[in-house]
Every structure is written in C-alpha cells, then in structure tokens.
Amino acid sequence: SESSDDDKSSPETPSQESTCVDDVHPTFLVAL
C-alpha cells in the first residue's frame, strides 16, 4: 500500500484495502 510502516502501525489509522502488485496474476508459487 502507499502508506508508510508508521501509518500502518498507528491505532488511529483506518485499515485500507491492500492493493496487489499485479491484478492479473496476484499470486506466485514457491516450492522448496
């Protein structure tokens, strides 16, 4: 999201919907 880490941790800051990096393929697979 566009907000800073300080904004995220503040109790007064309303939660915002997160925006995904890529709306077409928002996920990736990781295998170990």
PDB file of all heavy atoms in Angstrom:
ATOM      1  N   SER A   1       0.863  -1.176   0.000  1.00  0.00           N
ATOM      2  CA  SER A   1       0.000   0.000   0.000  1.00  0.00           C
ATOM      3  C   SER A   1       0.900   1.227   0.000  1.00  0.00           C
ATOM      4  O   SER A   1       2.091   1.142   0.266  1.00  0.00           O
ATOM      5  CB  SER A   1      -0.940  -0.011   1.198  1.00  0.00           C
ATOM      6  OG  SER A   1      -0.197   0.151   2.379  1.00  0.00           O
ATOM      7  N   GLU A   2       0.313   2.367  -0.267  1.00  0.00           N
ATOM      8  CA  GLU A   2       1.083   3.610  -0.375  1.00  0.00           C
ATOM      9  C   GLU A   2       1.507   4.152   0.986  1.00  0.00           C
ATOM     10  O   GLU A   2       2.380   4.978   1.079  1.00  0.00           O
ATOM     11  CB  GLU A   2       0.245   4.667  -1.111  1.00  0.00           C
ATOM     12  CG  GLU A   2      -0.121   4.269  -2.540  1.00  0.00           C
ATOM     13  CD  GLU A   2       1.094   4.168  -3.427  1.00  0.00           C
ATOM     14  OE1 GLU A   2       2.030   4.974  -3.269  1.00  0.00           O
ATOM     15  OE2 GLU A   2       1.119   3.273  -4.285  1.00  0.00           O
ATOM     16  N   SER A   3       0.881   3.717   2.066  1.00  0.00           N
ATOM     17  CA  SER A   3       1.188   4.281   3.379  1.00  0.00           C
ATOM     18  C   SER A   3       2.510   3.749   3.913  1.00  0.00           C
ATOM     19  O   SER A   3       2.956   2.677   3.556  1.00  0.00           O
ATOM     20  CB  SER A   3       0.058   3.966   4.358  1.00  0.00           C
ATOM     21  OG  SER A   3      -0.067   2.566   4.503  1.00  0.00           O
ATOM     22  N   SER A   4       3.110   4.514   4.812  1.00  0.00           N
ATOM     23  CA  SER A   4       4.381   4.108   5.412  1.00  0.00           C
ATOM     24  C   SER A   4       4.125   3.073   6.495  1.00  0.00           C
ATOM     25  O   SER A   4       2.999   2.889   6.953  1.00  0.00           O
ATOM     26  CB  SER A   4       5.102   5.322   5.997  1.00  0.00           C
ATOM     27  OG  SER A   4       4.409   5.763   7.150  1.00  0.00           O
ATOM     28  N   ASP A   5       5.195   2.441   6.961  1.00  0.00           N
ATOM     29  CA  ASP A   5       5.080   1.461   8.039  1.00  0.00           C
ATOM     30  C   ASP A   5       4.570   2.110   9.323  1.00  0.00           C
ATOM     31  O   ASP A   5       3.841   1.493  10.088  1.00  0.00           O
ATOM     32  CB  ASP A   5       6.432   0.793   8.299  1.00  0.00           C
ATOM     33  CG  ASP A   5       6.801  -0.180   7.191  1.00  0.00           C
ATOM     34  OD1 ASP A   5       5.892  -0.606   6.459  1.00  0.00           O
ATOM     35  OD2 ASP A   5       8.001  -0.501   7.076  1.00  0.00           O
ATOM     36  N   ASP A   6       4.934   3.387   9.562  1.00  0.00           N
ATOM     37  CA  ASP A   6       4.463   4.089  10.761  1.00  0.00           C
ATOM     38  C   ASP A   6       2.951   4.258  10.720  1.00  0.00           C
ATOM     39  O   ASP A   6       2.259   4.098  11.720  1.00  0.00           O
ATOM     40  CB  ASP A   6       5.132   5.458  10.902  1.00  0.00           C
ATOM     41  CG  ASP A   6       6.621   5.337  11.210  1.00  0.00           C
ATOM     42  OD1 ASP A   6       7.034   4.281  11.735  1.00  0.00           O
ATOM     43  OD2 ASP A   6       7.352   6.305  10.923  1.00  0.00           O
ATOM     44  N   ASP A   7       2.436   4.604   9.543  1.00  0.00           N
ATOM     45  CA  ASP A   7       0.995   4.776   9.389  1.00  0.00           C
ATOM     46  C   ASP A   7       0.258   3.465   9.627  1.00  0.00           C
ATOM     47  O   ASP A   7      -0.816   3.444  10.205  1.00  0.00           O
ATOM     48  CB  ASP A   7       0.650   5.293   7.989  1.00  0.00           C
ATOM     49  CG  ASP A   7       1.168   6.706   7.754  1.00  0.00           C
ATOM     50  OD1 ASP A   7       1.427   7.414   8.755  1.00  0.00           O
ATOM     51  OD2 ASP A   7       1.299   7.086   6.577  1.00  0.00           O
ATOM     52  N   LYS A   8       0.833   2.373   9.171  1.00  0.00           N
ATOM     53  CA  LYS A   8       0.182   1.073   9.308  1.00  0.00           C
ATOM     54  C   LYS A   8       0.048   0.669  10.768  1.00  0.00           C
ATOM     55  O   LYS A   8      -0.915   0.031  11.152  1.00  0.00           O
ATOM     56  CB  LYS A   8       0.980  -0.008   8.567  1.00  0.00           C
ATOM     57  CG  LYS A   8       0.935   0.123   7.088  1.00  0.00           C
ATOM     58  CD  LYS A   8       1.785  -0.970   6.476  1.00  0.00           C
ATOM     59  CE  LYS A   8       2.015  -0.726   5.017  1.00  0.00           C
ATOM     60  NZ  LYS A   8       2.938  -1.679   4.440  1.00  0.00           N
ATOM     61  N   SER A   9       1.021   1.029  11.569  1.00  0.00           N
ATOM     62  CA  SER A   9       1.029   0.563  12.950  1.00  0.00           C
ATOM     63  C   SER A   9       0.248   1.472  13.891  1.00  0.00           C
ATOM     64  O   SER A   9       0.064   1.153  15.048  1.00  0.00           O
ATOM     65  CB  SER A   9       2.461   0.413  13.444  1.00  0.00           C
ATOM     66  OG  SER A   9       3.096   1.670  13.437  1.00  0.00           O
ATOM     67  N   SER A  10      -0.181   2.597  13.406  1.00  0.00           N
ATOM     68  CA  SER A  10      -0.902   3.530  14.259  1.00  0.00           C
ATOM     69  C   SER A  10      -2.329   3.041  14.482  1.00  0.00           C
ATOM     70  O   SER A  10      -3.033   2.713  13.534  1.00  0.00           O
ATOM     71  CB  SER A  10      -0.915   4.917  13.596  1.00  0.00           C
ATOM     72  OG  SER A  10      -1.759   5.765  14.319  1.00  0.00           O
ATOM     73  N   PRO A  11      -2.785   3.022  15.743  1.00  0.00           N
ATOM     74  CA  PRO A  11      -4.152   2.570  16.012  1.00  0.00           C
ATOM     75  C   PRO A  11      -5.214   3.508  15.443  1.00  0.00           C
ATOM     76  O   PRO A  11      -6.329   3.100  15.186  1.00  0.00           O
ATOM     77  CB  PRO A  11      -4.240   2.539  17.544  1.00  0.00           C
ATOM     78  CG  PRO A  11      -2.953   3.019  18.072  1.00  0.00           C
ATOM     79  CD  PRO A  11      -2.041   3.313  16.938  1.00  0.00           C
ATOM     80  N   GLU A  12      -4.848   4.774  15.223  1.00  0.00           N
ATOM     81  CA  GLU A  12      -5.821   5.731  14.679  1.00  0.00           C
ATOM     82  C   GLU A  12      -6.013   5.575  13.179  1.00  0.00           C
ATOM     83  O   GLU A  12      -6.978   6.065  12.624  1.00  0.00           O
ATOM     84  CB  GLU A  12      -5.385   7.184  14.966  1.00  0.00           C
ATOM     85  CG  GLU A  12      -5.339   7.570  16.436  1.00  0.00           C
ATOM     86  CD  GLU A  12      -4.011   7.185  17.073  1.00  0.00           C
ATOM     87  OE1 GLU A  12      -2.973   7.232  16.393  1.00  0.00           O
ATOM     88  OE2 GLU A  12      -4.024   6.824  18.262  1.00  0.00           O
ATOM     89  N   THR A  13      -5.069   4.956  12.498  1.00  0.00           N
ATOM     90  CA  THR A  13      -5.146   4.837  11.055  1.00  0.00           C
ATOM     91  C   THR A  13      -6.169   3.773  10.683  1.00  0.00           C
ATOM     92  O   THR A  13      -6.068   2.634  11.122  1.00  0.00           O
ATOM     93  CB  THR A  13      -3.775   4.446  10.467  1.00  0.00           C
ATOM     94  OG1 THR A  13      -2.812   5.400  10.899  1.00  0.00           O
ATOM     95  CG2 THR A  13      -3.811   4.408   8.951  1.00  0.00           C
ATOM     96  N   PRO A  14      -7.172   4.171   9.899  1.00  0.00           N
ATOM     97  CA  PRO A  14      -8.154   3.156   9.482  1.00  0.00           C
ATOM     98  C   PRO A  14      -7.493   2.155   8.535  1.00  0.00           C
ATOM     99  O   PRO A  14      -6.600   2.505   7.764  1.00  0.00           O
ATOM    100  CB  PRO A  14      -9.239   3.970   8.765  1.00  0.00           C
ATOM    101  CG  PRO A  14      -8.583   5.260   8.394  1.00  0.00           C
ATOM    102  CD  PRO A  14      -7.460   5.481   9.368  1.00  0.00           C
ATOM    103  N   SER A  15      -7.924   0.922   8.610  1.00  0.00           N
ATOM    104  CA  SER A  15      -7.337  -0.086   7.737  1.00  0.00           C
ATOM    105  C   SER A  15      -7.757   0.174   6.302  1.00  0.00           C
ATOM    106  O   SER A  15      -8.882   0.575   6.027  1.00  0.00           O
ATOM    107  CB  SER A  15      -7.770  -1.483   8.173  1.00  0.00           C
ATOM    108  OG  SER A  15      -9.166  -1.590   8.068  1.00  0.00           O
ATOM    109  N   GLN A  16      -6.795  -0.006   5.403  1.00  0.00           N
ATOM    110  CA  GLN A  16      -7.052   0.211   3.988  1.00  0.00           C
ATOM    111  C   GLN A  16      -6.973  -1.115   3.270  1.00  0.00           C
ATOM    112  O   GLN A  16      -6.257  -2.021   3.695  1.00  0.00           O
ATOM    113  CB  GLN A  16      -5.998   1.162   3.394  1.00  0.00           C
ATOM    114  CG  GLN A  16      -6.011   2.541   4.012  1.00  0.00           C
ATOM    115  CD  GLN A  16      -4.904   3.400   3.418  1.00  0.00           C
ATOM    116  OE1 GLN A  16      -4.069   2.929   2.665  1.00  0.00           O
ATOM    117  NE2 GLN A  16      -4.920   4.675   3.753  1.00  0.00           N
ATOM    118  N   GLU A  17      -7.701  -1.211   2.220  1.00  0.00           N
ATOM    119  CA  GLU A  17      -7.659  -2.418   1.397  1.00  0.00           C
ATOM    120  C   GLU A  17      -6.285  -2.476   0.735  1.00  0.00           C
ATOM    121  O   GLU A  17      -5.824  -1.503   0.149  1.00  0.00           O
ATOM    122  CB  GLU A  17      -8.755  -2.359   0.338  1.00  0.00           C
ATOM    123  CG  GLU A  17      -8.739  -3.526  -0.580  1.00  0.00           C
ATOM    124  CD  GLU A  17      -9.964  -4.389  -0.398  1.00  0.00           C
ATOM    125  OE1 GLU A  17     -10.881  -4.007   0.358  1.00  0.00           O
ATOM    126  OE2 GLU A  17      -9.988  -5.439  -1.002  1.00  0.00           O
ATOM    127  N   SER A  18      -5.631  -3.605   0.824  1.00  0.00           N
ATOM    128  CA  SER A  18      -4.324  -3.754   0.208  1.00  0.00           C
ATOM    129  C   SER A  18      -4.471  -3.875  -1.293  1.00  0.00           C
ATOM    130  O   SER A  18      -5.429  -4.466  -1.793  1.00  0.00           O
ATOM    131  CB  SER A  18      -3.622  -5.001   0.741  1.00  0.00           C
ATOM    132  OG  SER A  18      -3.365  -4.849   2.106  1.00  0.00           O
ATOM    133  N   THR A  19      -3.520  -3.296  -1.986  1.00  0.00           N
ATOM    134  CA  THR A  19      -3.504  -3.394  -3.438  1.00  0.00           C
ATOM    135  C   THR A  19      -2.440  -4.404  -3.818  1.00  0.00           C
ATOM    136  O   THR A  19      -1.327  -4.340  -3.329  1.00  0.00           O
ATOM    137  CB  THR A  19      -3.153  -2.026  -4.067  1.00  0.00           C
ATOM    138  OG1 THR A  19      -4.048  -1.061  -3.553  1.00  0.00           O
ATOM    139  CG2 THR A  19      -3.241  -2.093  -5.575  1.00  0.00           C
ATOM    140  N   CYS A  20      -2.788  -5.305  -4.671  1.00  0.00           N
ATOM    141  CA  CYS A  20      -1.836  -6.329  -5.067  1.00  0.00           C
ATOM    142  C   CYS A  20      -0.891  -5.783  -6.123  1.00  0.00           C
ATOM    143  O   CYS A  20      -1.251  -4.913  -6.917  1.00  0.00           O
ATOM    144  CB  CYS A  20      -2.590  -7.540  -5.594  1.00  0.00           C
ATOM    145  SG  CYS A  20      -1.486  -8.916  -5.855  1.00  0.00           S
ATOM    146  N   VAL A  21       0.314  -6.311  -6.145  1.00  0.00           N
ATOM    147  CA  VAL A  21       1.329  -5.869  -7.093  1.00  0.00           C
ATOM    148  C   VAL A  21       0.844  -6.046  -8.526  1.00  0.00           C
ATOM    149  O   VAL A  21       1.050  -5.213  -9.373  1.00  0.00           O
ATOM    150  CB  VAL A  21       2.646  -6.650  -6.862  1.00  0.00           C
ATOM    151  CG1 VAL A  21       3.647  -6.329  -7.946  1.00  0.00           C
ATOM    152  CG2 VAL A  21       3.209  -6.313  -5.511  1.00  0.00           C
ATOM    153  N   ASP A  22       0.203  -7.132  -8.793  1.00  0.00           N
ATOM    154  CA  ASP A  22      -0.240  -7.422 -10.157  1.00  0.00           C
ATOM    155  C   ASP A  22      -1.670  -7.955 -10.094  1.00  0.00           C
ATOM    156  O   ASP A  22      -1.920  -9.021  -9.556  1.00  0.00           O
ATOM    157  CB  ASP A  22       0.687  -8.463 -10.780  1.00  0.00           C
ATOM    158  CG  ASP A  22       0.380  -8.724 -12.234  1.00  0.00           C
ATOM    159  OD1 ASP A  22      -0.737  -8.426 -12.682  1.00  0.00           O
ATOM    160  OD2 ASP A  22       1.261  -9.234 -12.921  1.00  0.00           O
ATOM    161  N   ASP A  23      -2.605  -7.183 -10.616  1.00  0.00           N
ATOM    162  CA  ASP A  23      -4.007  -7.591 -10.542  1.00  0.00           C
ATOM    163  C   ASP A  23      -4.321  -8.779 -11.430  1.00  0.00           C
ATOM    164  O   ASP A  23      -5.294  -9.484 -11.206  1.00  0.00           O
ATOM    165  CB  ASP A  23      -4.915  -6.412 -10.919  1.00  0.00           C
ATOM    166  CG  ASP A  23      -4.831  -5.306  -9.886  1.00  0.00           C
ATOM    167  OD1 ASP A  23      -4.629  -5.637  -8.703  1.00  0.00           O
ATOM    168  OD2 ASP A  23      -4.960  -4.131 -10.259  1.00  0.00           O
ATOM    169  N   VAL A  24      -3.525  -9.014 -12.467  1.00  0.00           N
ATOM    170  CA  VAL A  24      -3.778 -10.138 -13.368  1.00  0.00           C
ATOM    171  C   VAL A  24      -3.334 -11.447 -12.732  1.00  0.00           C
ATOM    172  O   VAL A  24      -4.057 -12.432 -12.730  1.00  0.00           O
ATOM    173  CB  VAL A  24      -3.051  -9.919 -14.716  1.00  0.00           C
ATOM    174  CG1 VAL A  24      -3.260 -11.110 -15.630  1.00  0.00           C
ATOM    175  CG2 VAL A  24      -3.533  -8.636 -15.365  1.00  0.00           C
ATOM    176  N   HIS A  25      -2.132 -11.479 -12.177  1.00  0.00           N
ATOM    177  CA  HIS A  25      -1.590 -12.666 -11.511  1.00  0.00           C
ATOM    178  C   HIS A  25      -1.155 -12.284 -10.101  1.00  0.00           C
ATOM    179  O   HIS A  25       0.015 -12.061  -9.851  1.00  0.00           O
ATOM    180  CB  HIS A  25      -0.391 -13.229 -12.287  1.00  0.00           C
ATOM    181  CG  HIS A  25      -0.736 -13.671 -13.663  1.00  0.00           C
ATOM    182  ND1 HIS A  25      -1.419 -14.826 -13.916  1.00  0.00           N
ATOM    183  CD2 HIS A  25      -0.501 -13.101 -14.865  1.00  0.00           C
ATOM    184  CE1 HIS A  25      -1.580 -14.971 -15.211  1.00  0.00           C
ATOM    185  NE2 HIS A  25      -1.039 -13.929 -15.815  1.00  0.00           N
ATOM    186  N   PRO A  26      -2.096 -12.197  -9.174  1.00  0.00           N
ATOM    187  CA  PRO A  26      -1.734 -11.699  -7.843  1.00  0.00           C
ATOM    188  C   PRO A  26      -0.965 -12.697  -6.982  1.00  0.00           C
ATOM    189  O   PRO A  26      -0.534 -12.358  -5.903  1.00  0.00           O
ATOM    190  CB  PRO A  26      -3.091 -11.391  -7.204  1.00  0.00           C
ATOM    191  CG  PRO A  26      -4.023 -12.323  -7.886  1.00  0.00           C
ATOM    192  CD  PRO A  26      -3.503 -12.490  -9.290  1.00  0.00           C
ATOM    193  N   THR A  27      -0.786 -13.903  -7.438  1.00  0.00           N
ATOM    194  CA  THR A  27      -0.113 -14.901  -6.610  1.00  0.00           C
ATOM    195  C   THR A  27       1.092 -15.485  -7.331  1.00  0.00           C
ATOM    196  O   THR A  27       1.212 -15.394  -8.546  1.00  0.00           O
ATOM    197  CB  THR A  27      -1.067 -16.059  -6.259  1.00  0.00           C
ATOM    198  OG1 THR A  27      -1.446 -16.722  -7.459  1.00  0.00           O
ATOM    199  CG2 THR A  27      -2.289 -15.563  -5.520  1.00  0.00           C
ATOM    200  N   PHE A  28       1.967 -16.058  -6.540  1.00  0.00           N
ATOM    201  CA  PHE A  28       3.042 -16.838  -7.124  1.00  0.00           C
ATOM    202  C   PHE A  28       3.254 -18.067  -6.266  1.00  0.00           C
ATOM    203  O   PHE A  28       2.897 -18.089  -5.093  1.00  0.00           O
ATOM    204  CB  PHE A  28       4.326 -16.024  -7.319  1.00  0.00           C
ATOM    205  CG  PHE A  28       4.902 -15.437  -6.074  1.00  0.00           C
ATOM    206  CD1 PHE A  28       5.914 -16.085  -5.398  1.00  0.00           C
ATOM    207  CD2 PHE A  28       4.455 -14.214  -5.582  1.00  0.00           C
ATOM    208  CE1 PHE A  28       6.474 -15.532  -4.254  1.00  0.00           C
ATOM    209  CE2 PHE A  28       5.000 -13.654  -4.448  1.00  0.00           C
ATOM    210  CZ  PHE A  28       6.013 -14.315  -3.781  1.00  0.00           C
ATOM    211  N   LEU A  29       3.789 -19.107  -6.876  1.00  0.00           N
ATOM    212  CA  LEU A  29       4.045 -20.358  -6.180  1.00  0.00           C
ATOM    213  C   LEU A  29       5.507 -20.440  -5.789  1.00  0.00           C
ATOM    214  O   LEU A  29       6.381 -20.103  -6.582  1.00  0.00           O
ATOM    215  CB  LEU A  29       3.719 -21.553  -7.080  1.00  0.00           C
ATOM    216  CG  LEU A  29       2.265 -21.919  -7.238  1.00  0.00           C
ATOM    217  CD1 LEU A  29       2.117 -23.030  -8.266  1.00  0.00           C
ATOM    218  CD2 LEU A  29       1.675 -22.364  -5.916  1.00  0.00           C
ATOM    219  N   VAL A  30       5.757 -20.885  -4.570  1.00  0.00           N
ATOM    220  CA  VAL A  30       7.116 -21.121  -4.097  1.00  0.00           C
ATOM    221  C   VAL A  30       7.190 -22.574  -3.651  1.00  0.00           C
ATOM    222  O   VAL A  30       6.346 -23.032  -2.878  1.00  0.00           O
ATOM    223  CB  VAL A  30       7.490 -20.195  -2.925  1.00  0.00           C
ATOM    224  CG1 VAL A  30       8.864 -20.538  -2.385  1.00  0.00           C
ATOM    225  CG2 VAL A  30       7.435 -18.747  -3.347  1.00  0.00           C
ATOM    226  N   ALA A  31       8.154 -23.286  -4.169  1.00  0.00           N
ATOM    227  CA  ALA A  31       8.365 -24.680  -3.764  1.00  0.00           C
ATOM    228  C   ALA A  31       9.774 -24.808  -3.211  1.00  0.00           C
ATOM    229  O   ALA A  31      10.720 -24.228  -3.745  1.00  0.00           O
ATOM    230  CB  ALA A  31       8.181 -25.612  -4.957  1.00  0.00           C
ATOM    231  N   LEU A  32       9.893 -25.553  -2.144  1.00  0.00           N
ATOM    232  CA  LEU A  32      11.184 -25.847  -1.539  1.00  0.00           C
ATOM    233  C   LEU A  32      11.306 -27.364  -1.480  1.00  0.00           C
ATOM    234  O   LEU A  32      10.459 -28.039  -0.908  1.00  0.00           O
ATOM    235  CB  LEU A  32      11.267 -25.238  -0.138  1.00  0.00           C
ATOM    236  CG  LEU A  32      12.621 -25.221   0.520  1.00  0.00           C
ATOM    237  CD1 LEU A  32      13.584 -24.336  -0.269  1.00  0.00           C
ATOM    238  CD2 LEU A  32      12.512 -24.712   1.944  1.00  0.00           C
TER     239      LEU A  32
END
